[in-house]
Amino acid sequence: MRAEMDTIKIHDKTFRPYISYGELSAAIDRTAEKINADYKGTKEPVIFICVLNGAMMFMSEMMKRLNFECELVSIKMTSYSGTETTGDVKVPMGLTGSVKGRRVIVFEDIVDSGYTMVALKKLLEEQGASDVRICTMLLKPAALRTDIKLDYVAMEIPNAFIVGFGLDYDELGRNYKDIYVIEQ
């Protein structure tokens, strides 16, 4: 068993403790309260879209806290190579369900450049979603290169490369419950 919040090594990089699970959990609680207030009294189930693979842990934590009916749909989108965003959004797995005529909340692990969310919002609108809102666990305002509207942001962070709580470095590191930042 690994000691929580010790320095970790993934591939060729070392990461140090950055955001504890407790801090994340408190931010998720606050975000869920806002979403619950906005969707209070909703009659039709809302479609929750989990952006794979990174948002799985965040999505799971949010679903435990939201108190209205939902259906879960997933999509896999990528724009990273190693520690850098390429700006080229790929969709290796499309939507696992229909959004036509439905209200949708997208759950994303992190928004940095914003390119992935712009592409996803356009896709959802093209497929007939009646309302699209975006909820991200983390936002890097300094890295944002688009004017995408984010409806719910759990935490803002500086522009640094991080892993843990669903976030990866070349597919490793997602399983840590805390978030770690790369050592420079």
N, C-alpha and C. Protein backbone atom coordinates (compact mmCIF):
# COMPACT_ATOMS: atom_id res chain seq x y z
N MET A 1 0.85 -1.19 0.00
CA MET A 1 0.00 0.00 0.00
C MET A 1 0.89 1.24 0.00
N ARG A 2 0.51 2.20 -0.84
CA ARG A 2 1.33 3.41 -0.94
C ARG A 2 0.95 4.41 0.15
N ALA A 3 1.91 5.12 0.64
CA ALA A 3 1.64 6.18 1.61
C ALA A 3 1.01 7.35 0.87
N GLU A 4 -0.06 7.88 1.40
CA GLU A 4 -0.75 8.99 0.75
C GLU A 4 0.10 10.25 0.80
N MET A 5 0.09 10.98 -0.26
CA MET A 5 0.72 12.28 -0.39
C MET A 5 2.25 12.24 -0.28
N ASP A 6 2.87 11.13 -0.69
CA ASP A 6 4.31 11.07 -0.85
C ASP A 6 4.62 11.40 -2.31
N THR A 7 5.84 11.76 -2.61
CA THR A 7 6.25 11.97 -3.99
C THR A 7 6.09 10.65 -4.75
N ILE A 8 5.64 10.73 -5.99
CA ILE A 8 5.45 9.53 -6.81
C ILE A 8 6.22 9.67 -8.13
N LYS A 9 6.55 8.53 -8.72
CA LYS A 9 7.22 8.53 -10.02
C LYS A 9 6.34 7.77 -11.00
N ILE A 10 6.09 8.40 -12.15
CA ILE A 10 5.32 7.78 -13.23
C ILE A 10 6.13 7.93 -14.50
N HIS A 11 6.37 6.79 -15.15
CA HIS A 11 7.26 6.77 -16.32
C HIS A 11 8.58 7.45 -15.94
N ASP A 12 8.92 8.51 -16.63
CA ASP A 12 10.20 9.19 -16.40
C ASP A 12 10.07 10.47 -15.59
N LYS A 13 8.90 10.72 -15.00
CA LYS A 13 8.65 11.99 -14.30
C LYS A 13 8.35 11.76 -12.82
N THR A 14 8.71 12.74 -12.00
CA THR A 14 8.42 12.72 -10.57
C THR A 14 7.35 13.77 -10.29
N PHE A 15 6.41 13.40 -9.44
CA PHE A 15 5.30 14.28 -9.07
C PHE A 15 5.25 14.42 -7.56
N ARG A 16 4.93 15.64 -7.11
CA ARG A 16 4.83 15.89 -5.68
C ARG A 16 3.36 16.17 -5.31
N PRO A 17 3.02 16.00 -4.03
CA PRO A 17 1.65 16.25 -3.58
C PRO A 17 1.18 17.66 -3.96
N TYR A 18 -0.09 17.77 -4.34
CA TYR A 18 -0.61 19.07 -4.79
C TYR A 18 -1.99 19.37 -4.20
N ILE A 19 -2.97 18.52 -4.44
CA ILE A 19 -4.33 18.73 -3.92
C ILE A 19 -4.76 17.43 -3.23
N SER A 20 -5.13 17.52 -1.98
CA SER A 20 -5.54 16.32 -1.24
C SER A 20 -6.97 15.92 -1.63
N TYR A 21 -7.28 14.66 -1.37
CA TYR A 21 -8.63 14.17 -1.62
C TYR A 21 -9.64 14.98 -0.81
N GLY A 22 -9.28 15.36 0.40
CA GLY A 22 -10.18 16.16 1.23
C GLY A 22 -10.54 17.50 0.58
N GLU A 23 -9.53 18.17 0.01
CA GLU A 23 -9.77 19.44 -0.68
C GLU A 23 -10.65 19.23 -1.91
N LEU A 24 -10.37 18.17 -2.66
CA LEU A 24 -11.17 17.84 -3.84
C LEU A 24 -12.62 17.56 -3.45
N SER A 25 -12.78 16.76 -2.41
CA SER A 25 -14.11 16.38 -1.95
C SER A 25 -14.94 17.60 -1.55
N ALA A 26 -14.32 18.54 -0.85
CA ALA A 26 -15.02 19.77 -0.44
C ALA A 26 -15.43 20.60 -1.67
N ALA A 27 -14.55 20.68 -2.66
CA ALA A 27 -14.87 21.42 -3.89
C ALA A 27 -16.00 20.74 -4.66
N ILE A 28 -15.98 19.42 -4.68
CA ILE A 28 -17.04 18.65 -5.35
C ILE A 28 -18.37 18.86 -4.63
N ASP A 29 -18.34 18.87 -3.28
CA ASP A 29 -19.56 19.15 -2.50
C ASP A 29 -20.17 20.49 -2.89
N ARG A 30 -19.34 21.53 -2.96
CA ARG A 30 -19.82 22.88 -3.30
C ARG A 30 -20.41 22.92 -4.70
N THR A 31 -19.75 22.25 -5.64
CA THR A 31 -20.22 22.23 -7.02
C THR A 31 -21.55 21.48 -7.13
N ALA A 32 -21.66 20.35 -6.44
CA ALA A 32 -22.91 19.57 -6.45
C ALA A 32 -24.07 20.39 -5.89
N GLU A 33 -23.82 21.18 -4.85
CA GLU A 33 -24.87 22.03 -4.29
C GLU A 33 -25.42 22.99 -5.34
N LYS A 34 -24.52 23.60 -6.14
CA LYS A 34 -24.95 24.53 -7.19
C LYS A 34 -25.77 23.82 -8.26
N ILE A 35 -25.31 22.63 -8.67
CA ILE A 35 -26.04 21.88 -9.70
C ILE A 35 -27.40 21.45 -9.16
N ASN A 36 -27.45 20.94 -7.93
CA ASN A 36 -28.73 20.54 -7.34
C ASN A 36 -29.70 21.71 -7.29
N ALA A 37 -29.21 22.90 -6.97
CA ALA A 37 -30.08 24.08 -6.92
C ALA A 37 -30.60 24.41 -8.32
N ASP A 38 -29.73 24.32 -9.33
CA ASP A 38 -30.14 24.64 -10.70
C ASP A 38 -31.14 23.63 -11.28
N TYR A 39 -31.07 22.40 -10.85
CA TYR A 39 -31.91 21.35 -11.41
C TYR A 39 -33.03 20.90 -10.47
N LYS A 40 -33.25 21.65 -9.40
CA LYS A 40 -34.32 21.32 -8.45
C LYS A 40 -35.67 21.28 -9.18
N GLY A 41 -36.41 20.23 -8.95
CA GLY A 41 -37.74 20.10 -9.57
C GLY A 41 -37.72 19.57 -10.99
N THR A 42 -36.56 19.21 -11.49
CA THR A 42 -36.46 18.66 -12.85
C THR A 42 -37.26 17.37 -12.93
N LYS A 43 -38.14 17.28 -13.92
CA LYS A 43 -39.00 16.09 -14.07
C LYS A 43 -38.35 15.01 -14.92
N GLU A 44 -37.82 15.39 -16.08
CA GLU A 44 -37.21 14.41 -16.99
C GLU A 44 -35.76 14.17 -16.59
N PRO A 45 -35.31 12.91 -16.62
CA PRO A 45 -33.90 12.64 -16.29
C PRO A 45 -32.95 13.45 -17.17
N VAL A 46 -31.90 13.96 -16.56
CA VAL A 46 -30.87 14.72 -17.26
C VAL A 46 -29.80 13.73 -17.70
N ILE A 47 -29.25 13.93 -18.88
CA ILE A 47 -28.17 13.07 -19.35
C ILE A 47 -26.85 13.62 -18.83
N PHE A 48 -26.12 12.77 -18.12
CA PHE A 48 -24.77 13.09 -17.65
C PHE A 48 -23.81 12.46 -18.64
N ILE A 49 -22.92 13.27 -19.19
CA ILE A 49 -21.92 12.75 -20.12
C ILE A 49 -20.57 12.73 -19.43
N CYS A 50 -20.02 11.54 -19.33
CA CYS A 50 -18.70 11.34 -18.73
C CYS A 50 -17.67 11.32 -19.86
N VAL A 51 -16.72 12.25 -19.83
CA VAL A 51 -15.66 12.28 -20.83
C VAL A 51 -14.56 11.33 -20.34
N LEU A 52 -14.47 10.19 -21.03
CA LEU A 52 -13.51 9.14 -20.66
C LEU A 52 -12.11 9.50 -21.10
N ASN A 53 -11.12 9.00 -20.42
CA ASN A 53 -11.18 8.18 -19.22
C ASN A 53 -11.04 9.06 -17.98
N GLY A 54 -10.56 10.26 -18.17
CA GLY A 54 -10.18 11.11 -17.05
C GLY A 54 -11.28 11.49 -16.09
N ALA A 55 -12.51 11.66 -16.57
CA ALA A 55 -13.58 12.16 -15.71
C ALA A 55 -14.28 11.07 -14.91
N MET A 56 -13.86 9.82 -15.04
CA MET A 56 -14.56 8.73 -14.36
C MET A 56 -14.66 8.93 -12.84
N MET A 57 -13.56 9.26 -12.20
CA MET A 57 -13.59 9.42 -10.73
C MET A 57 -14.42 10.63 -10.32
N PHE A 58 -14.26 11.73 -11.04
CA PHE A 58 -15.03 12.94 -10.77
C PHE A 58 -16.52 12.67 -10.97
N MET A 59 -16.86 12.03 -12.07
CA MET A 59 -18.26 11.70 -12.38
C MET A 59 -18.86 10.83 -11.28
N SER A 60 -18.11 9.85 -10.84
CA SER A 60 -18.59 8.96 -9.78
C SER A 60 -18.88 9.74 -8.50
N GLU A 61 -17.97 10.62 -8.13
CA GLU A 61 -18.18 11.43 -6.92
C GLU A 61 -19.38 12.38 -7.08
N MET A 62 -19.53 12.97 -8.26
CA MET A 62 -20.66 13.88 -8.48
C MET A 62 -21.98 13.14 -8.42
N MET A 63 -22.05 11.97 -9.04
CA MET A 63 -23.31 11.21 -9.06
C MET A 63 -23.79 10.88 -7.65
N LYS A 64 -22.88 10.65 -6.72
CA LYS A 64 -23.26 10.34 -5.34
C LYS A 64 -23.91 11.54 -4.65
N ARG A 65 -23.64 12.75 -5.17
CA ARG A 65 -24.08 13.97 -4.50
C ARG A 65 -25.28 14.64 -5.18
N LEU A 66 -25.59 14.27 -6.40
CA LEU A 66 -26.68 14.92 -7.13
C LEU A 66 -27.99 14.20 -6.83
N ASN A 67 -29.05 14.98 -6.59
CA ASN A 67 -30.29 14.39 -6.09
C ASN A 67 -31.45 14.48 -7.08
N PHE A 68 -31.18 14.38 -8.36
CA PHE A 68 -32.23 14.33 -9.37
C PHE A 68 -31.90 13.18 -10.33
N GLU A 69 -32.90 12.72 -11.06
CA GLU A 69 -32.73 11.56 -11.94
C GLU A 69 -31.79 11.87 -13.11
N CYS A 70 -31.00 10.87 -13.45
CA CYS A 70 -30.06 11.04 -14.55
C CYS A 70 -29.89 9.75 -15.33
N GLU A 71 -29.40 9.90 -16.55
CA GLU A 71 -28.96 8.78 -17.37
C GLU A 71 -27.50 9.05 -17.68
N LEU A 72 -26.70 8.00 -17.74
CA LEU A 72 -25.26 8.16 -17.96
C LEU A 72 -24.90 7.77 -19.39
N VAL A 73 -24.20 8.68 -20.07
CA VAL A 73 -23.68 8.46 -21.42
C VAL A 73 -22.20 8.79 -21.37
N SER A 74 -21.39 8.09 -22.14
CA SER A 74 -19.96 8.36 -22.17
C SER A 74 -19.49 8.70 -23.58
N ILE A 75 -18.33 9.33 -23.63
CA ILE A 75 -17.64 9.62 -24.89
C ILE A 75 -16.15 9.66 -24.55
N LYS A 76 -15.33 9.27 -25.51
CA LYS A 76 -13.89 9.37 -25.29
C LYS A 76 -13.33 10.36 -26.28
N MET A 77 -12.65 11.39 -25.75
CA MET A 77 -12.04 12.43 -26.57
C MET A 77 -10.62 12.63 -26.08
N THR A 78 -9.70 12.85 -26.99
CA THR A 78 -8.31 13.05 -26.60
C THR A 78 -7.70 14.23 -27.36
N SER A 79 -6.79 14.92 -26.67
CA SER A 79 -6.05 16.00 -27.34
C SER A 79 -4.64 16.11 -26.76
N TYR A 80 -4.26 15.13 -25.94
CA TYR A 80 -2.95 15.16 -25.29
C TYR A 80 -2.00 14.15 -25.87
N SER A 81 -0.73 14.51 -25.86
CA SER A 81 0.36 13.59 -26.16
C SER A 81 1.42 13.86 -25.10
N GLY A 82 1.66 12.88 -24.24
CA GLY A 82 2.60 13.09 -23.13
C GLY A 82 2.06 14.13 -22.17
N THR A 83 2.80 15.22 -21.96
CA THR A 83 2.39 16.26 -21.01
C THR A 83 1.84 17.50 -21.71
N GLU A 84 1.67 17.46 -23.03
CA GLU A 84 1.23 18.64 -23.78
C GLU A 84 -0.05 18.38 -24.56
N THR A 85 -0.91 19.41 -24.63
CA THR A 85 -2.08 19.31 -25.48
C THR A 85 -1.65 19.57 -26.92
N THR A 86 -2.22 18.80 -27.84
CA THR A 86 -1.87 18.96 -29.25
C THR A 86 -2.75 19.99 -29.93
N GLY A 87 -3.91 20.27 -29.33
CA GLY A 87 -4.87 21.17 -29.97
C GLY A 87 -5.73 20.45 -31.00
N ASP A 88 -5.37 19.20 -31.30
CA ASP A 88 -6.10 18.38 -32.26
C ASP A 88 -6.98 17.40 -31.49
N VAL A 89 -8.30 17.63 -31.49
CA VAL A 89 -9.22 16.79 -30.72
C VAL A 89 -9.64 15.58 -31.53
N LYS A 90 -9.41 14.40 -30.95
CA LYS A 90 -9.81 13.14 -31.59
C LYS A 90 -10.92 12.51 -30.77
N VAL A 91 -11.80 11.75 -31.45
CA VAL A 91 -12.91 11.08 -30.78
C VAL A 91 -12.79 9.57 -31.05
N PRO A 92 -11.96 8.87 -30.24
CA PRO A 92 -11.79 7.43 -30.46
C PRO A 92 -13.03 6.60 -30.13
N MET A 93 -13.96 7.16 -29.33
CA MET A 93 -15.23 6.47 -29.02
C MET A 93 -16.33 7.53 -28.95
N GLY A 94 -17.33 7.38 -29.80
CA GLY A 94 -18.42 8.35 -29.83
C GLY A 94 -19.39 8.17 -28.67
N LEU A 95 -20.44 8.96 -28.67
CA LEU A 95 -21.45 8.92 -27.60
C LEU A 95 -22.07 7.53 -27.50
N THR A 96 -22.28 7.07 -26.28
CA THR A 96 -22.87 5.75 -26.05
C THR A 96 -24.39 5.81 -25.94
N GLY A 97 -24.99 6.96 -26.21
CA GLY A 97 -26.44 7.10 -26.16
C GLY A 97 -26.87 8.37 -26.88
N SER A 98 -28.17 8.50 -27.07
CA SER A 98 -28.73 9.66 -27.77
C SER A 98 -28.94 10.83 -26.81
N VAL A 99 -28.72 12.04 -27.33
CA VAL A 99 -28.96 13.26 -26.56
C VAL A 99 -30.07 14.10 -27.19
N LYS A 100 -30.65 13.61 -28.26
CA LYS A 100 -31.65 14.38 -29.01
C LYS A 100 -32.81 14.83 -28.12
N GLY A 101 -33.02 16.16 -28.08
CA GLY A 101 -34.11 16.74 -27.31
C GLY A 101 -33.92 16.69 -25.80
N ARG A 102 -32.73 16.40 -25.35
CA ARG A 102 -32.50 16.20 -23.92
C ARG A 102 -31.59 17.26 -23.32
N ARG A 103 -31.74 17.49 -22.01
CA ARG A 103 -30.84 18.35 -21.26
C ARG A 103 -29.61 17.53 -20.88
N VAL A 104 -28.45 18.14 -21.02
CA VAL A 104 -27.19 17.42 -20.84
C VAL A 104 -26.26 18.21 -19.91
N ILE A 105 -25.57 17.47 -19.03
CA ILE A 105 -24.46 18.05 -18.27
C ILE A 105 -23.23 17.22 -18.61
N VAL A 106 -22.21 17.89 -19.13
CA VAL A 106 -20.94 17.24 -19.45
C VAL A 106 -20.06 17.31 -18.20
N PHE A 107 -19.48 16.17 -17.83
CA PHE A 107 -18.54 16.14 -16.70
C PHE A 107 -17.15 15.85 -17.25
N GLU A 108 -16.24 16.80 -17.01
CA GLU A 108 -14.87 16.71 -17.50
C GLU A 108 -13.92 16.80 -16.32
N ASP A 109 -12.76 16.14 -16.44
CA ASP A 109 -11.79 16.18 -15.36
C ASP A 109 -11.08 17.52 -15.30
N ILE A 110 -10.62 18.02 -16.45
CA ILE A 110 -9.85 19.26 -16.47
C ILE A 110 -10.06 19.99 -17.79
N VAL A 111 -10.19 21.29 -17.71
CA VAL A 111 -10.24 22.13 -18.92
C VAL A 111 -9.01 23.01 -18.87
N ASP A 112 -8.17 22.86 -19.90
CA ASP A 112 -7.02 23.74 -20.02
C ASP A 112 -7.17 24.58 -21.27
N SER A 113 -6.84 24.09 -22.44
CA SER A 113 -6.98 24.91 -23.66
C SER A 113 -8.45 25.20 -23.97
N GLY A 114 -9.34 24.25 -23.65
CA GLY A 114 -10.76 24.41 -23.95
C GLY A 114 -11.18 23.78 -25.27
N TYR A 115 -10.22 23.36 -26.07
CA TYR A 115 -10.53 22.81 -27.40
C TYR A 115 -11.46 21.60 -27.34
N THR A 116 -11.23 20.70 -26.40
CA THR A 116 -12.06 19.50 -26.29
C THR A 116 -13.50 19.87 -25.97
N MET A 117 -13.70 20.80 -25.04
CA MET A 117 -15.06 21.19 -24.67
C MET A 117 -15.77 21.92 -25.81
N VAL A 118 -15.06 22.74 -26.56
CA VAL A 118 -15.66 23.41 -27.72
C VAL A 118 -16.14 22.36 -28.72
N ALA A 119 -15.30 21.37 -29.01
CA ALA A 119 -15.65 20.31 -29.96
C ALA A 119 -16.82 19.48 -29.45
N LEU A 120 -16.82 19.15 -28.16
CA LEU A 120 -17.90 18.34 -27.61
C LEU A 120 -19.21 19.10 -27.58
N LYS A 121 -19.18 20.36 -27.18
CA LYS A 121 -20.43 21.14 -27.15
C LYS A 121 -21.02 21.24 -28.55
N LYS A 122 -20.18 21.47 -29.54
CA LYS A 122 -20.66 21.54 -30.93
C LYS A 122 -21.28 20.20 -31.35
N LEU A 123 -20.64 19.11 -31.03
CA LEU A 123 -21.15 17.78 -31.35
C LEU A 123 -22.51 17.54 -30.70
N LEU A 124 -22.64 17.89 -29.42
CA LEU A 124 -23.91 17.68 -28.71
C LEU A 124 -25.03 18.54 -29.29
N GLU A 125 -24.72 19.78 -29.66
CA GLU A 125 -25.73 20.64 -30.28
C GLU A 125 -26.13 20.09 -31.65
N GLU A 126 -25.15 19.60 -32.42
CA GLU A 126 -25.44 19.00 -33.72
C GLU A 126 -26.32 17.76 -33.58
N GLN A 127 -26.16 17.03 -32.47
CA GLN A 127 -26.96 15.83 -32.25
C GLN A 127 -28.29 16.12 -31.55
N GLY A 128 -28.61 17.40 -31.39
CA GLY A 128 -29.94 17.80 -30.95
C GLY A 128 -30.17 17.95 -29.46
N ALA A 129 -29.12 18.06 -28.65
CA ALA A 129 -29.32 18.29 -27.21
C ALA A 129 -30.05 19.62 -27.04
N SER A 130 -31.04 19.66 -26.15
CA SER A 130 -31.82 20.88 -25.97
C SER A 130 -31.10 21.90 -25.10
N ASP A 131 -30.21 21.43 -24.21
CA ASP A 131 -29.46 22.31 -23.32
C ASP A 131 -28.16 21.59 -22.97
N VAL A 132 -27.03 22.29 -23.08
CA VAL A 132 -25.74 21.69 -22.77
C VAL A 132 -25.04 22.55 -21.73
N ARG A 133 -24.74 21.94 -20.59
CA ARG A 133 -23.97 22.62 -19.55
C ARG A 133 -22.70 21.83 -19.32
N ILE A 134 -21.65 22.54 -18.92
CA ILE A 134 -20.35 21.90 -18.72
C ILE A 134 -19.91 22.07 -17.27
N CYS A 135 -19.52 20.95 -16.67
CA CYS A 135 -19.02 20.91 -15.30
C CYS A 135 -17.62 20.31 -15.33
N THR A 136 -16.64 21.05 -14.86
CA THR A 136 -15.28 20.53 -14.81
C THR A 136 -14.77 20.52 -13.37
N MET A 137 -14.02 19.48 -13.07
CA MET A 137 -13.41 19.40 -11.75
C MET A 137 -12.35 20.49 -11.61
N LEU A 138 -11.52 20.64 -12.65
CA LEU A 138 -10.42 21.60 -12.60
C LEU A 138 -10.40 22.47 -13.84
N LEU A 139 -10.01 23.73 -13.65
CA LEU A 139 -9.85 24.67 -14.75
C LEU A 139 -8.49 25.34 -14.60
N LYS A 140 -7.77 25.42 -15.72
CA LYS A 140 -6.51 26.17 -15.77
C LYS A 140 -6.76 27.45 -16.56
N PRO A 141 -7.18 28.53 -15.91
CA PRO A 141 -7.51 29.76 -16.64
C PRO A 141 -6.36 30.28 -17.50
N ALA A 142 -5.12 30.14 -17.04
CA ALA A 142 -3.97 30.66 -17.78
C ALA A 142 -3.73 29.89 -19.08
N ALA A 143 -4.25 28.68 -19.19
CA ALA A 143 -4.04 27.85 -20.38
C ALA A 143 -5.20 27.96 -21.37
N LEU A 144 -6.31 28.56 -20.97
CA LEU A 144 -7.52 28.63 -21.80
C LEU A 144 -7.27 29.40 -23.08
N ARG A 145 -7.57 28.77 -24.20
CA ARG A 145 -7.36 29.40 -25.52
C ARG A 145 -8.67 29.56 -26.30
N THR A 146 -9.78 29.30 -25.64
CA THR A 146 -11.09 29.44 -26.28
C THR A 146 -11.98 30.27 -25.36
N ASP A 147 -13.16 30.62 -25.86
CA ASP A 147 -14.10 31.36 -25.02
C ASP A 147 -15.26 30.46 -24.58
N ILE A 148 -14.97 29.17 -24.38
CA ILE A 148 -16.00 28.21 -23.97
C ILE A 148 -16.59 28.62 -22.62
N LYS A 149 -17.92 28.56 -22.52
CA LYS A 149 -18.61 28.88 -21.27
C LYS A 149 -18.65 27.62 -20.41
N LEU A 150 -18.08 27.72 -19.22
CA LEU A 150 -18.12 26.62 -18.26
C LEU A 150 -19.15 26.98 -17.20
N ASP A 151 -20.11 26.10 -17.00
CA ASP A 151 -21.20 26.40 -16.09
C ASP A 151 -20.85 26.11 -14.63
N TYR A 152 -20.01 25.09 -14.43
CA TYR A 152 -19.64 24.70 -13.07
C TYR A 152 -18.15 24.35 -13.05
N VAL A 153 -17.41 24.99 -12.16
CA VAL A 153 -15.98 24.74 -12.00
C VAL A 153 -15.72 24.46 -10.52
N ALA A 154 -15.25 23.24 -10.23
CA ALA A 154 -15.00 22.89 -8.83
C ALA A 154 -13.78 23.63 -8.29
N MET A 155 -12.67 23.67 -9.07
CA MET A 155 -11.46 24.36 -8.61
C MET A 155 -10.71 24.95 -9.80
N GLU A 156 -10.07 26.10 -9.57
CA GLU A 156 -9.15 26.67 -10.56
C GLU A 156 -7.74 26.41 -10.06
N ILE A 157 -6.85 26.07 -11.02
CA ILE A 157 -5.46 25.80 -10.66
C ILE A 157 -4.53 26.50 -11.65
N PRO A 158 -3.26 26.68 -11.27
CA PRO A 158 -2.28 27.24 -12.21
C PRO A 158 -2.02 26.26 -13.36
N ASN A 159 -1.34 26.75 -14.37
CA ASN A 159 -1.05 25.94 -15.55
C ASN A 159 0.17 25.04 -15.30
N ALA A 160 -0.07 23.91 -14.64
CA ALA A 160 0.98 22.92 -14.35
C ALA A 160 0.43 21.55 -14.72
N PHE A 161 1.31 20.61 -15.02
CA PHE A 161 0.88 19.26 -15.38
C PHE A 161 0.64 18.44 -14.12
N ILE A 162 -0.55 17.83 -14.03
CA ILE A 162 -0.93 17.09 -12.83
C ILE A 162 -1.42 15.69 -13.17
N VAL A 163 -1.38 14.83 -12.15
CA VAL A 163 -1.91 13.46 -12.27
C VAL A 163 -2.67 13.11 -11.00
N GLY A 164 -3.46 12.06 -11.09
CA GLY A 164 -4.22 11.57 -9.95
C GLY A 164 -5.68 11.90 -10.08
N PHE A 165 -6.51 11.20 -9.33
CA PHE A 165 -7.96 11.38 -9.33
C PHE A 165 -8.51 11.41 -10.76
N GLY A 166 -8.08 10.44 -11.56
CA GLY A 166 -8.56 10.32 -12.93
C GLY A 166 -7.63 10.90 -13.98
N LEU A 167 -6.77 11.82 -13.58
CA LEU A 167 -5.85 12.46 -14.51
C LEU A 167 -4.60 11.59 -14.69
N ASP A 168 -4.09 11.53 -15.92
CA ASP A 168 -3.00 10.61 -16.20
C ASP A 168 -1.80 11.27 -16.87
N TYR A 169 -0.72 10.54 -16.87
CA TYR A 169 0.45 10.84 -17.69
C TYR A 169 0.67 9.58 -18.52
N ASP A 170 0.38 9.67 -19.81
CA ASP A 170 0.45 8.53 -20.72
C ASP A 170 -0.23 7.30 -20.11
N GLU A 171 -1.47 7.49 -19.66
CA GLU A 171 -2.38 6.46 -19.16
C GLU A 171 -2.09 5.95 -17.75
N LEU A 172 -1.05 6.42 -17.09
CA LEU A 172 -0.77 5.99 -15.72
C LEU A 172 -1.01 7.13 -14.74
N GLY A 173 -1.33 6.76 -13.49
CA GLY A 173 -1.50 7.75 -12.42
C GLY A 173 -2.94 8.09 -12.11
N ARG A 174 -3.89 7.59 -12.89
CA ARG A 174 -5.31 7.93 -12.66
C ARG A 174 -5.83 7.45 -11.31
N ASN A 175 -5.26 6.37 -10.79
CA ASN A 175 -5.81 5.69 -9.62
C ASN A 175 -5.49 6.34 -8.27
N TYR A 176 -4.66 7.35 -8.24
CA TYR A 176 -4.37 8.03 -6.97
C TYR A 176 -5.57 8.87 -6.56
N LYS A 177 -5.92 8.83 -5.27
CA LYS A 177 -7.08 9.61 -4.83
C LYS A 177 -6.74 11.09 -4.62
N ASP A 178 -5.46 11.39 -4.49
CA ASP A 178 -5.02 12.78 -4.39
C ASP A 178 -4.48 13.21 -5.75
N ILE A 179 -4.23 14.51 -5.91
CA ILE A 179 -3.66 15.03 -7.15
C ILE A 179 -2.23 15.46 -6.87
N TYR A 180 -1.35 15.14 -7.83
CA TYR A 180 0.07 15.42 -7.75
C TYR A 180 0.46 16.33 -8.92
N VAL A 181 1.46 17.18 -8.70
CA VAL A 181 1.95 18.08 -9.73
C VAL A 181 3.38 17.66 -10.11
N ILE A 182 3.69 17.84 -11.38
CA ILE A 182 5.02 17.46 -11.87
C ILE A 182 6.09 18.34 -11.23
N GLU A 183 7.22 17.72 -10.88
CA GLU A 183 8.35 18.49 -10.35
C GLU A 183 9.17 18.97 -11.54
N GLN A 184 9.53 20.24 -11.50
CA GLN A 184 10.29 20.83 -12.61
C GLN A 184 11.77 20.74 -12.35
